[in-house]
Amino acid sequence: MTSSPGNIFQNPIFQGSILLLLFVGAYFVPFSSLYNTWMTNDDYSYGILIPFISAFFLWDKRQALKGVAIQSCWPVFPLLLLFVLLSIYGVLGSSGHISRPALPILIVLFAIFCFGMDLFKRASLSLCFLAFMIPLPTILDRTIGVYLKSISSELGGMFLRACGYSVYVSGNIIDLGVTKLQVVDACSGLRFLFPLMALGVLYGYFFERSFWKRVACVVVTIPIAILTNVLRIGITGVLTYNFGSKMAEGFFHDFQGLAIFMVAFVFLFVFGRFLRFFPPKDKKSTQNELMDSGKNFENKGNINAFVVSIVLLIIVGGLTFNTSALPPVKIKGGIESFPRSFNDWKGQIQLIEPEIIDASGAEEAFSCVYVNQESHAVSLYMGYRSTAFLENVNFFHSPTVCLPSSGWKTISKSKRVINDVPMFESLPVTEMVMESMGTKHLIYFWFQTKNQATHDKNINRFHLALHAIKKDNTHDLFIRPITTIGKGESIESARQRMDGFVREMMGTLIDFLDKNQFEESLSADNQVQ
């Protein structure tokens, strides 16, 4: 059965348009976050072009797509459902690093489920190219990025030595004698690699016809990215040595990045010219596509999958809309008005810069050093979010990342349960023993909503998703006390001190929140009355 204008509901163009509109509406929150990243982060400003390029690829295949047999693919439905649930967890649990990478995967799965593998095979480039619109997940920066940063630093040092400069490389630090260069995460080359790979796909598509050459154009961008990044580091070192540290900052730094990207394109173009020496292959697929270009869409039955997809997207959109309607749970005076003293503990407030609070993933923060009558000190930090739901790139940062990046060395890390804690009875926390400047410290941290607490950030996100689904409004808190382990003091003694502090602090915190929390919209209504 072929689709016709009279049977519009079986027309794949109509179905695709409806699903696209519903998809953008259902995932409006992560799409908004993506747009904000494209507009504010120079590393990913190219991302806004990706959907348009992908649409061009699809349009360019319009004749070949007419011969596609449209048929639902139910075997992919369990995988689709899994990613829908994962995306709900990411959106409602405030995890941009889950919800945003799920977007291109969901687009591919919905396409296969509704229109079949035949369409996916012919439109695979257009659909898979959308992956380039997603910013790099943090886990890649912390793994592959660290490795590339180390390689770039070593090779950058070799480049400078070849230019006659005496340098010493230690980790990601290049010591030039007169000054030092630090190869930070943004200069690892990983963020440079992603747009260059997208450029490799474009180059292969427009200038190569055989499949293996197109793949080669993408693969070669990896060594080109490393090589040009090393060239950038080396040139920065030469300019810094001769003209001062200003050459590694601001306009000069950004201009070097743009110039080196142009050099990378030249390398890619030269590689493309080199491929001309090899015979073309794989023209059969193009001929088959031309043979099918005169046909119309043939719908062999996908209406049930189409309806199921609509239902899934309406459910996701409904959950997101209902959650976004929940008002912020504010605190009178803010979290910084938390008591400076309770029981035996007297505190001294520590000021926190607003930029640091924002980068930590909190809306408000409280930092105070409490001392008891025995002169034992506990440093308490609390991050508070009044709007706990919906995807947020900056979720609470874990001490497992922040403290080591500040030079603290992790000695041990484990889960600990503190008993007899007000409201929660048993409170699970992550316990860390760390060393800084020869002094050991005992650290606890945990995450809690209004009635659930956990030592794990991902479980906390799951709690938030459950709150959102039940429309049970809540705040979200990150709490981290630290105490110094004295010379000759056992870890068990420090644990007893910390356990006692947590029990007393939690009693005060629960009472403080009960008396001072309010839903902002309700307060505004009262003021109008």
Protein backbone atom coordinates (compact mmCIF):
# COMPACT_ATOMS: atom_id res chain seq x y z
CA MET A 1 0.00 0.00 0.00
CA THR A 2 1.42 3.37 -1.00
CA SER A 3 0.73 6.57 0.89
CA SER A 4 -1.31 9.22 -0.88
CA PRO A 5 -2.56 12.73 -0.16
CA GLY A 6 -5.96 11.28 0.67
CA ASN A 7 -4.52 9.09 3.39
CA ILE A 8 -2.54 11.78 5.22
CA PHE A 9 -2.18 9.92 8.52
CA GLN A 10 -0.12 7.25 6.77
CA ASN A 11 2.03 9.80 5.00
CA PRO A 12 5.55 9.58 6.52
CA ILE A 13 6.19 13.30 5.97
CA PHE A 14 3.08 14.17 7.98
CA GLN A 15 3.94 11.61 10.66
CA GLY A 16 7.53 12.82 10.90
CA SER A 17 6.45 16.46 11.21
CA ILE A 18 4.01 15.65 14.03
CA LEU A 19 6.58 13.57 15.90
CA LEU A 20 9.25 16.26 15.50
CA LEU A 21 6.97 18.96 16.94
CA LEU A 22 5.97 16.72 19.86
CA PHE A 23 9.59 15.71 20.47
CA VAL A 24 10.82 19.31 20.67
CA GLY A 25 7.91 20.17 22.99
CA ALA A 26 8.40 17.12 25.23
CA TYR A 27 12.15 17.77 25.55
CA PHE A 28 11.95 21.55 25.58
CA VAL A 29 14.03 21.75 28.79
CA PRO A 30 17.17 19.98 27.51
CA PHE A 31 16.80 21.70 24.12
CA SER A 32 16.69 25.08 25.92
CA SER A 33 19.81 24.11 27.85
CA LEU A 34 21.53 23.14 24.60
CA TYR A 35 20.66 26.47 23.02
CA ASN A 36 22.00 28.31 26.07
CA THR A 37 25.28 26.38 25.82
CA TRP A 38 25.60 27.17 22.10
CA MET A 39 25.05 30.87 22.76
CA THR A 40 27.30 31.25 25.83
CA ASN A 41 30.12 28.72 25.40
CA ASP A 42 32.54 29.41 22.53
CA ASP A 43 33.72 25.78 22.58
CA TYR A 44 30.28 24.63 21.41
CA SER A 45 29.04 27.63 19.42
CA TYR A 46 29.17 25.49 16.27
CA GLY A 47 26.39 23.31 17.73
CA ILE A 48 23.61 25.57 16.49
CA LEU A 49 24.61 24.76 12.88
CA ILE A 50 24.39 20.98 13.31
CA PRO A 51 20.55 20.59 13.06
CA PHE A 52 20.53 22.69 9.87
CA ILE A 53 23.35 20.64 8.33
CA SER A 54 21.54 17.46 9.31
CA ALA A 55 18.34 18.78 7.66
CA PHE A 56 20.35 19.51 4.50
CA PHE A 57 21.66 15.93 4.43
CA LEU A 58 18.07 14.70 4.68
CA TRP A 59 16.89 17.05 1.92
CA ASP A 60 19.79 16.00 -0.30
CA LYS A 61 18.62 12.38 0.03
CA ARG A 62 15.00 13.23 -0.78
CA GLN A 63 14.93 11.29 -4.07
CA ALA A 64 16.48 8.15 -2.58
CA LEU A 65 14.11 8.31 0.41
CA LYS A 66 11.07 8.09 -1.87
CA GLY A 67 11.80 4.44 -2.44
CA VAL A 68 11.80 3.60 1.27
CA ALA A 69 9.41 0.93 2.54
CA ILE A 70 7.82 2.41 5.67
CA GLN A 71 7.25 -0.25 8.30
CA SER A 72 7.34 -0.18 12.09
CA CYS A 73 10.16 -1.98 13.88
CA TRP A 74 8.81 -3.32 17.17
CA PRO A 75 12.01 -5.18 18.22
CA VAL A 76 13.58 -1.75 18.93
CA PHE A 77 10.69 -0.70 21.21
CA PRO A 78 12.22 -2.05 24.50
CA LEU A 79 15.40 -0.07 23.82
CA LEU A 80 13.35 3.02 22.96
CA LEU A 81 11.36 2.68 26.17
CA LEU A 82 14.57 2.30 28.17
CA PHE A 83 15.98 5.55 26.78
CA VAL A 84 12.68 7.36 27.30
CA LEU A 85 12.78 6.36 30.97
CA LEU A 86 16.45 7.35 31.16
CA SER A 87 15.65 10.74 29.64
CA ILE A 88 12.84 11.28 32.16
CA TYR A 89 15.31 10.50 34.92
CA GLY A 90 17.73 13.00 33.40
CA VAL A 91 15.19 15.80 32.93
CA LEU A 92 13.28 15.44 36.20
CA GLY A 93 16.39 14.46 38.17
CA SER A 94 18.27 17.56 37.00
CA SER A 95 20.96 15.70 35.04
CA GLY A 96 21.90 17.51 31.84
CA HIS A 97 24.74 15.04 31.29
CA ILE A 98 22.09 12.33 30.82
CA SER A 99 19.14 14.12 29.22
CA ARG A 100 21.13 15.98 26.54
CA PRO A 101 23.19 13.04 25.16
CA ALA A 102 19.94 11.03 25.09
CA LEU A 103 18.37 13.43 22.54
CA PRO A 104 20.09 12.23 19.32
CA ILE A 105 19.80 8.61 20.46
CA LEU A 106 16.06 9.05 21.02
CA ILE A 107 15.65 10.67 17.59
CA VAL A 108 17.33 7.66 15.97
CA LEU A 109 15.27 5.15 17.98
CA PHE A 110 11.95 6.90 17.27
CA ALA A 111 12.84 6.98 13.55
CA ILE A 112 13.64 3.26 13.45
CA PHE A 113 10.60 2.34 15.57
CA CYS A 114 8.11 4.30 13.45
CA PHE A 115 9.59 4.11 9.96
CA GLY A 116 11.82 1.03 9.98
CA MET A 117 15.42 0.09 9.32
CA ASP A 118 15.14 0.77 5.60
CA LEU A 119 14.64 4.50 6.23
CA PHE A 120 17.37 4.56 8.87
CA LYS A 121 19.89 3.02 6.48
CA ARG A 122 19.28 5.75 3.92
CA ALA A 123 19.00 8.61 6.41
CA SER A 124 21.63 7.38 8.87
CA LEU A 125 24.09 10.18 8.13
CA SER A 126 21.48 12.87 8.75
CA LEU A 127 20.27 11.27 11.99
CA CYS A 128 23.66 10.31 13.44
CA PHE A 129 25.21 13.68 12.57
CA LEU A 130 22.98 15.21 15.28
CA ALA A 131 25.35 13.73 17.86
CA PHE A 132 27.72 16.63 17.13
CA MET A 133 25.22 19.14 18.56
CA ILE A 134 25.69 17.71 22.07
CA PRO A 135 28.46 19.15 24.32
CA LEU A 136 31.05 16.63 25.44
CA PRO A 137 29.96 14.65 28.52
CA THR A 138 32.02 15.41 31.63
CA ILE A 139 33.21 11.80 31.87
CA LEU A 140 35.07 12.20 28.54
CA ASP A 141 36.80 15.35 29.79
CA ARG A 142 37.89 13.48 32.94
CA THR A 143 39.18 10.39 31.12
CA ILE A 144 40.15 10.90 27.48
CA GLY A 145 40.64 14.65 28.07
CA VAL A 146 43.22 14.04 30.80
CA TYR A 147 45.10 11.63 28.53
CA LEU A 148 45.09 14.06 25.60
CA LYS A 149 46.17 16.89 27.89
CA SER A 150 49.19 14.86 28.99
CA ILE A 151 50.13 13.98 25.39
CA SER A 152 49.68 17.58 24.23
CA SER A 153 51.88 18.86 27.05
CA GLU A 154 54.70 16.42 26.29
CA LEU A 155 54.58 17.03 22.54
CA GLY A 156 54.30 20.79 23.10
CA GLY A 157 57.47 20.62 25.18
CA MET A 158 59.22 18.69 22.39
CA PHE A 159 58.13 21.35 19.87
CA LEU A 160 59.62 24.12 22.04
CA ARG A 161 62.88 22.20 22.50
CA ALA A 162 63.07 21.74 18.72
CA CYS A 163 62.74 25.52 18.43
CA GLY A 164 65.75 25.95 20.72
CA TYR A 165 64.00 26.70 24.02
CA SER A 166 64.92 25.02 27.28
CA VAL A 167 61.73 23.74 28.90
CA TYR A 168 60.72 21.33 31.63
CA VAL A 169 57.41 19.48 31.42
CA SER A 170 55.70 18.14 34.55
CA GLY A 171 52.22 16.77 34.00
CA ASN A 172 50.28 19.54 32.29
CA ILE A 173 52.75 22.29 33.32
CA ILE A 174 55.34 23.55 30.80
CA ASP A 175 58.08 25.48 32.61
CA LEU A 176 59.74 27.98 30.27
CA GLY A 177 62.05 29.35 32.95
CA VAL A 178 60.77 32.93 32.69
CA THR A 179 57.17 31.76 33.11
CA LYS A 180 55.00 28.65 33.21
CA LEU A 181 52.27 27.47 30.87
CA GLN A 182 49.43 25.32 32.17
CA VAL A 183 47.60 23.15 29.64
CA VAL A 184 44.11 23.32 31.10
CA ASP A 185 41.14 21.08 30.25
CA ALA A 186 39.90 23.45 27.53
CA CYS A 187 43.29 23.13 25.77
CA SER A 188 43.48 19.33 25.89
CA GLY A 189 42.40 19.15 22.24
CA LEU A 190 39.29 17.08 22.98
CA ARG A 191 36.88 20.00 22.52
CA PHE A 192 38.83 20.91 19.40
CA LEU A 193 38.40 17.35 18.09
CA PHE A 194 34.59 17.27 18.04
CA PRO A 195 34.01 20.18 15.63
CA LEU A 196 36.93 18.99 13.52
CA MET A 197 35.32 15.53 13.21
CA ALA A 198 32.08 17.21 12.11
CA LEU A 199 34.11 19.10 9.53
CA GLY A 200 35.62 15.79 8.41
CA VAL A 201 32.12 14.38 7.85
CA LEU A 202 31.16 17.44 5.79
CA TYR A 203 34.35 17.29 3.74
CA GLY A 204 33.89 13.59 3.02
CA TYR A 205 30.26 14.09 2.05
CA PHE A 206 30.91 16.90 -0.44
CA PHE A 207 34.27 15.88 -1.89
CA GLU A 208 34.41 12.08 -1.70
CA ARG A 209 32.10 9.47 -3.23
CA SER A 210 33.45 6.16 -1.95
CA PHE A 211 32.54 5.05 1.54
CA TRP A 212 36.05 4.14 2.70
CA LYS A 213 37.40 7.56 1.74
CA ARG A 214 34.62 9.31 3.67
CA VAL A 215 35.47 7.24 6.74
CA ALA A 216 39.16 8.04 6.28
CA CYS A 217 38.37 11.77 6.23
CA VAL A 218 36.69 11.44 9.63
CA VAL A 219 39.33 9.18 11.21
CA VAL A 220 42.23 11.40 10.11
CA THR A 221 40.78 14.32 12.08
CA ILE A 222 41.98 12.63 15.30
CA PRO A 223 45.75 12.90 14.57
CA ILE A 224 45.15 16.29 12.89
CA ALA A 225 43.46 17.57 16.07
CA ILE A 226 46.36 16.38 18.24
CA LEU A 227 48.98 17.75 15.85
CA THR A 228 47.38 21.19 15.51
CA ASN A 229 46.74 21.41 19.25
CA VAL A 230 50.43 20.72 19.87
CA LEU A 231 51.25 23.39 17.29
CA ARG A 232 48.99 25.82 19.16
CA ILE A 233 50.67 25.06 22.50
CA GLY A 234 54.12 25.40 20.96
CA ILE A 235 53.35 28.74 19.29
CA THR A 236 51.78 29.99 22.53
CA GLY A 237 54.96 29.02 24.36
CA VAL A 238 57.18 30.85 21.86
CA LEU A 239 55.04 34.00 21.98
CA THR A 240 54.77 33.90 25.77
CA TYR A 241 58.54 33.50 26.16
CA ASN A 242 59.23 36.50 23.92
CA PHE A 243 56.29 38.83 24.58
CA GLY A 244 54.95 37.87 28.01
CA SER A 245 52.01 35.96 29.52
CA LYS A 246 49.40 38.20 27.84
CA MET A 247 49.96 36.18 24.65
CA ALA A 248 48.40 33.14 26.38
CA GLU A 249 45.27 35.02 27.46
CA GLY A 250 42.24 36.87 26.11
CA PHE A 251 42.11 37.92 22.46
CA PHE A 252 45.49 36.47 21.48
CA HIS A 253 44.58 33.07 22.92
CA ASP A 254 41.21 33.00 21.14
CA PHE A 255 42.69 34.23 17.85
CA GLN A 256 45.32 31.49 17.97
CA GLY A 257 42.54 28.92 18.39
CA LEU A 258 40.70 30.22 15.31
CA ALA A 259 43.89 30.38 13.23
CA ILE A 260 44.92 26.85 14.21
CA PHE A 261 41.46 25.55 13.28
CA MET A 262 41.99 26.99 9.81
CA VAL A 263 45.34 25.20 9.67
CA ALA A 264 43.57 21.97 10.63
CA PHE A 265 41.18 22.41 7.70
CA VAL A 266 44.17 22.89 5.37
CA PHE A 267 45.64 19.60 6.64
CA LEU A 268 42.29 17.90 6.01
CA PHE A 269 42.16 19.35 2.49
CA VAL A 270 45.70 18.13 1.77
CA PHE A 271 44.73 14.66 3.00
CA GLY A 272 41.73 14.75 0.66
CA ARG A 273 44.02 15.58 -2.27
CA PHE A 274 46.22 12.64 -1.22
CA LEU A 275 43.21 10.30 -1.40
CA ARG A 276 42.81 11.17 -5.09
CA PHE A 277 45.75 8.85 -5.80
CA PHE A 278 43.62 5.86 -4.74
CA PRO A 279 40.86 4.41 -6.93
CA PRO A 280 37.22 5.08 -5.90
CA LYS A 281 35.06 2.21 -4.71
CA ASP A 282 31.56 1.48 -3.42
CA LYS A 283 29.53 3.18 -6.16
CA LYS A 284 26.88 0.44 -6.17
CA SER A 285 24.90 1.90 -3.27
CA THR A 286 24.55 5.22 -5.10
CA GLN A 287 23.25 3.44 -8.23
CA ASN A 288 20.69 1.51 -6.17
CA GLU A 289 19.46 4.73 -4.64
CA LEU A 290 18.99 6.25 -8.11
CA MET A 291 17.00 3.20 -9.21
CA ASP A 292 14.60 3.73 -6.28
CA SER A 293 14.32 7.50 -6.73
CA GLY A 294 11.28 7.27 -9.01
CA LYS A 295 9.17 5.36 -6.48
CA ASN A 296 6.77 6.78 -3.89
CA PHE A 297 6.75 5.98 -0.21
CA GLU A 298 5.35 2.53 0.43
CA ASN A 299 3.68 2.29 3.85
CA LYS A 300 3.50 -1.35 4.88
CA GLY A 301 1.93 -0.53 8.23
CA ASN A 302 3.27 1.75 10.98
CA ILE A 303 0.17 3.46 12.37
CA ASN A 304 0.32 1.59 15.71
CA ALA A 305 3.97 2.56 16.25
CA PHE A 306 3.10 6.14 15.29
CA VAL A 307 0.32 6.30 17.89
CA VAL A 308 2.51 4.70 20.59
CA SER A 309 5.24 7.26 19.87
CA ILE A 310 2.75 10.10 20.24
CA VAL A 311 1.58 8.70 23.58
CA LEU A 312 5.16 8.39 24.86
CA LEU A 313 6.01 11.97 23.91
CA ILE A 314 2.80 13.33 25.45
CA ILE A 315 3.64 11.52 28.71
CA VAL A 316 7.18 12.98 28.75
CA GLY A 317 5.86 16.44 27.94
CA GLY A 318 3.14 16.17 30.58
CA LEU A 319 5.61 15.18 33.28
CA THR A 320 7.95 18.03 32.34
CA PHE A 321 5.13 20.61 32.21
CA ASN A 322 3.63 19.53 35.55
CA THR A 323 7.04 19.61 37.20
CA SER A 324 7.92 23.04 35.81
CA ALA A 325 4.69 24.34 37.35
CA LEU A 326 5.91 23.49 40.86
CA PRO A 327 6.96 26.69 42.68
CA PRO A 328 10.45 27.18 44.19
CA VAL A 329 10.77 26.18 47.84
CA LYS A 330 12.48 29.24 49.30
CA ILE A 331 13.90 29.95 52.77
CA LYS A 332 13.17 33.17 54.64
CA GLY A 333 16.55 34.89 54.80
CA GLY A 334 18.10 32.19 52.61
CA ILE A 335 20.20 29.20 53.63
CA GLU A 336 22.88 31.67 54.79
CA SER A 337 20.62 32.51 57.75
CA PHE A 338 21.19 29.03 59.21
CA PRO A 339 22.05 29.35 62.95
CA ARG A 340 25.65 30.23 63.75
CA SER A 341 25.45 28.33 67.02
CA PHE A 342 23.63 25.27 68.34
CA ASN A 343 24.18 23.18 71.43
CA ASP A 344 27.95 23.22 72.16
CA TRP A 345 28.98 24.52 68.74
CA LYS A 346 29.78 28.16 67.96
CA GLY A 347 30.37 29.21 64.35
CA GLN A 348 32.32 31.73 62.27
CA ILE A 349 30.84 32.48 58.85
CA GLN A 350 33.01 31.97 55.75
CA LEU A 351 32.06 34.14 52.75
CA ILE A 352 31.58 32.47 49.35
CA GLU A 353 31.78 34.32 46.04
CA PRO A 354 28.54 34.20 43.98
CA GLU A 355 30.45 32.82 40.97
CA ILE A 356 31.65 29.87 43.05
CA ILE A 357 28.12 29.19 44.32
CA ASP A 358 26.78 29.17 40.76
CA ALA A 359 29.58 26.92 39.49
CA SER A 360 28.99 24.47 42.35
CA GLY A 361 25.45 23.80 41.16
CA ALA A 362 23.74 25.50 44.11
CA GLU A 363 21.38 28.48 44.12
CA GLU A 364 22.40 29.46 47.64
CA ALA A 365 25.21 28.30 49.92
CA PHE A 366 26.21 28.39 53.58
CA SER A 367 29.76 27.98 54.87
CA CYS A 368 30.73 28.16 58.52
CA VAL A 369 33.48 26.84 60.80
CA TYR A 370 32.02 25.55 64.09
CA VAL A 371 34.13 25.06 67.22
CA ASN A 372 33.02 23.26 70.41
CA GLN A 373 34.18 23.74 74.01
CA GLU A 374 36.99 21.23 73.47
CA SER A 375 38.34 23.46 70.64
CA HIS A 376 37.54 20.86 67.99
CA ALA A 377 36.54 22.46 64.70
CA VAL A 378 34.15 21.29 61.98
CA SER A 379 33.83 23.18 58.70
CA LEU A 380 30.27 22.93 57.38
CA TYR A 381 29.21 23.65 53.79
CA MET A 382 25.61 23.43 52.59
CA GLY A 383 24.40 24.02 49.03
CA TYR A 384 20.68 24.64 48.58
CA ARG A 385 18.43 24.46 45.52
CA SER A 386 14.88 25.76 45.82
CA THR A 387 13.98 24.59 42.31
CA ALA A 388 15.21 21.04 42.55
CA PHE A 389 13.69 19.61 39.39
CA LEU A 390 14.34 19.80 35.65
CA GLU A 391 17.63 19.34 33.85
CA ASN A 392 20.51 21.48 35.05
CA VAL A 393 24.06 21.29 33.72
CA ASN A 394 25.59 22.37 37.03
CA PHE A 395 24.32 19.79 39.48
CA PHE A 396 25.95 19.70 42.91
CA HIS A 397 29.68 19.06 42.53
CA SER A 398 31.05 16.13 44.50
CA PRO A 399 34.11 16.51 46.77
CA THR A 400 35.51 13.45 45.02
CA VAL A 401 36.26 15.80 42.10
CA CYS A 402 36.54 19.29 43.61
CA LEU A 403 38.94 18.57 46.46
CA PRO A 404 41.48 16.49 44.47
CA SER A 405 41.56 19.25 41.84
CA SER A 406 42.59 21.61 44.68
CA GLY A 407 45.56 19.43 45.57
CA TRP A 408 43.97 17.21 48.23
CA LYS A 409 45.06 13.58 48.14
CA THR A 410 42.44 10.87 48.69
CA ILE A 411 43.54 8.21 51.17
CA SER A 412 40.28 6.30 51.49
CA LYS A 413 36.65 6.54 50.43
CA SER A 414 33.71 4.47 51.68
CA LYS A 415 30.04 4.55 52.59
CA ARG A 416 29.14 5.14 56.23
CA VAL A 417 25.78 5.05 58.02
CA ILE A 418 25.17 7.39 60.97
CA ASN A 419 22.44 6.15 63.33
CA ASP A 420 19.99 8.08 65.52
CA VAL A 421 19.83 11.06 63.13
CA PRO A 422 16.69 13.22 63.53
CA MET A 423 13.94 12.44 60.97
CA PHE A 424 16.08 10.04 58.93
CA GLU A 425 17.09 7.68 61.78
CA SER A 426 19.85 6.11 59.63
CA LEU A 427 21.74 8.61 57.47
CA PRO A 428 23.95 7.20 54.66
CA VAL A 429 26.99 9.41 53.92
CA THR A 430 30.12 9.14 51.82
CA GLU A 431 33.19 9.16 54.08
CA MET A 432 36.55 10.29 52.76
CA VAL A 433 39.94 10.55 54.46
CA MET A 434 42.11 13.06 52.60
CA GLU A 435 45.48 14.71 53.09
CA SER A 436 46.43 18.30 52.34
CA MET A 437 49.76 19.96 53.17
CA GLY A 438 50.68 17.05 55.45
CA THR A 439 47.42 17.24 57.46
CA LYS A 440 44.71 14.59 57.34
CA HIS A 441 41.02 15.47 57.20
CA LEU A 442 37.83 13.47 57.66
CA ILE A 443 35.06 14.41 55.22
CA TYR A 444 31.40 13.42 55.11
CA PHE A 445 28.98 14.41 52.39
CA TRP A 446 25.45 13.51 51.37
CA PHE A 447 22.44 14.74 49.39
CA GLN A 448 18.92 15.12 50.75
CA THR A 449 15.43 16.16 49.70
CA LYS A 450 12.71 17.01 52.20
CA ASN A 451 12.31 13.38 53.28
CA GLN A 452 15.02 11.29 51.60
CA ALA A 453 18.79 11.26 51.99
CA THR A 454 21.57 9.41 50.21
CA HIS A 455 25.34 9.32 49.90
CA ASP A 456 25.15 9.02 46.11
CA LYS A 457 24.44 11.84 43.64
CA ASN A 458 22.72 9.54 41.13
CA ILE A 459 20.38 8.12 43.78
CA ASN A 460 19.56 11.69 44.76
CA ARG A 461 18.60 12.40 41.16
CA PHE A 462 16.37 9.31 41.23
CA HIS A 463 14.72 10.64 44.40
CA LEU A 464 14.10 13.97 42.65
CA ALA A 465 12.56 12.20 39.66
CA LEU A 466 10.18 10.31 41.98
CA HIS A 467 9.22 13.55 43.73
CA ALA A 468 8.53 15.12 40.33
CA ILE A 469 6.41 12.23 39.05
CA LYS A 470 4.30 12.34 42.23
CA LYS A 471 4.17 16.18 42.05
CA ASP A 472 5.59 16.19 45.56
CA ASN A 473 7.44 19.51 45.71
CA THR A 474 10.80 19.54 47.48
CA HIS A 475 14.10 21.33 47.89
CA ASP A 476 17.48 19.68 47.37
CA LEU A 477 20.46 19.97 49.69
CA PHE A 478 24.12 19.05 49.50
CA ILE A 479 25.83 18.90 52.90
CA ARG A 480 29.56 18.49 53.54
CA PRO A 481 31.19 18.72 56.99
CA ILE A 482 35.00 18.46 57.33
CA THR A 483 37.09 18.02 60.47
CA THR A 484 40.85 17.85 60.90
CA ILE A 485 42.32 14.64 62.26
CA GLY A 486 44.74 15.80 64.94
CA LYS A 487 48.29 14.50 65.27
CA GLY A 488 48.15 11.22 67.13
CA GLU A 489 44.33 11.14 66.91
CA SER A 490 42.69 8.00 65.57
CA ILE A 491 40.22 8.08 62.70
CA GLU A 492 37.62 6.49 64.98
CA SER A 493 37.90 9.40 67.39
CA ALA A 494 37.37 11.86 64.53
CA ARG A 495 34.37 9.80 63.36
CA GLN A 496 32.75 10.00 66.80
CA ARG A 497 33.18 13.79 66.76
CA MET A 498 31.73 14.07 63.26
CA ASP A 499 28.82 11.71 64.02
CA GLY A 500 27.91 13.79 67.07
CA PHE A 501 28.13 17.02 65.08
CA VAL A 502 25.92 15.61 62.30
CA ARG A 503 23.22 14.49 64.76
CA GLU A 504 23.10 17.89 66.48
CA MET A 505 23.34 19.86 63.22
CA MET A 506 20.60 17.81 61.54
CA GLY A 507 18.21 18.42 64.42
CA THR A 508 18.82 22.15 64.08
CA LEU A 509 18.52 21.99 60.26
CA ILE A 510 15.17 20.17 60.30
CA ASP A 511 13.75 22.69 62.76
CA PHE A 512 15.21 25.59 60.74
CA LEU A 513 13.62 24.38 57.49
CA ASP A 514 10.24 23.68 59.11
CA LYS A 515 10.06 27.24 60.42
CA ASN A 516 11.46 29.15 57.44
CA GLN A 517 10.59 27.35 54.20
CA PHE A 518 7.80 28.58 51.94
CA GLU A 519 6.66 28.10 48.36
CA GLU A 520 7.42 31.34 46.55
CA SER A 521 4.16 31.55 44.58
CA LEU A 522 2.07 31.09 47.73
CA SER A 523 3.98 33.92 49.38
CA ALA A 524 3.37 36.15 46.36
CA ASP A 525 -0.37 35.38 46.53
CA ASN A 526 -0.45 36.35 50.19
CA GLN A 527 1.26 39.64 49.41
CA VAL A 528 -1.36 40.45 46.76
CA GLN A 529 -4.16 39.78 49.24
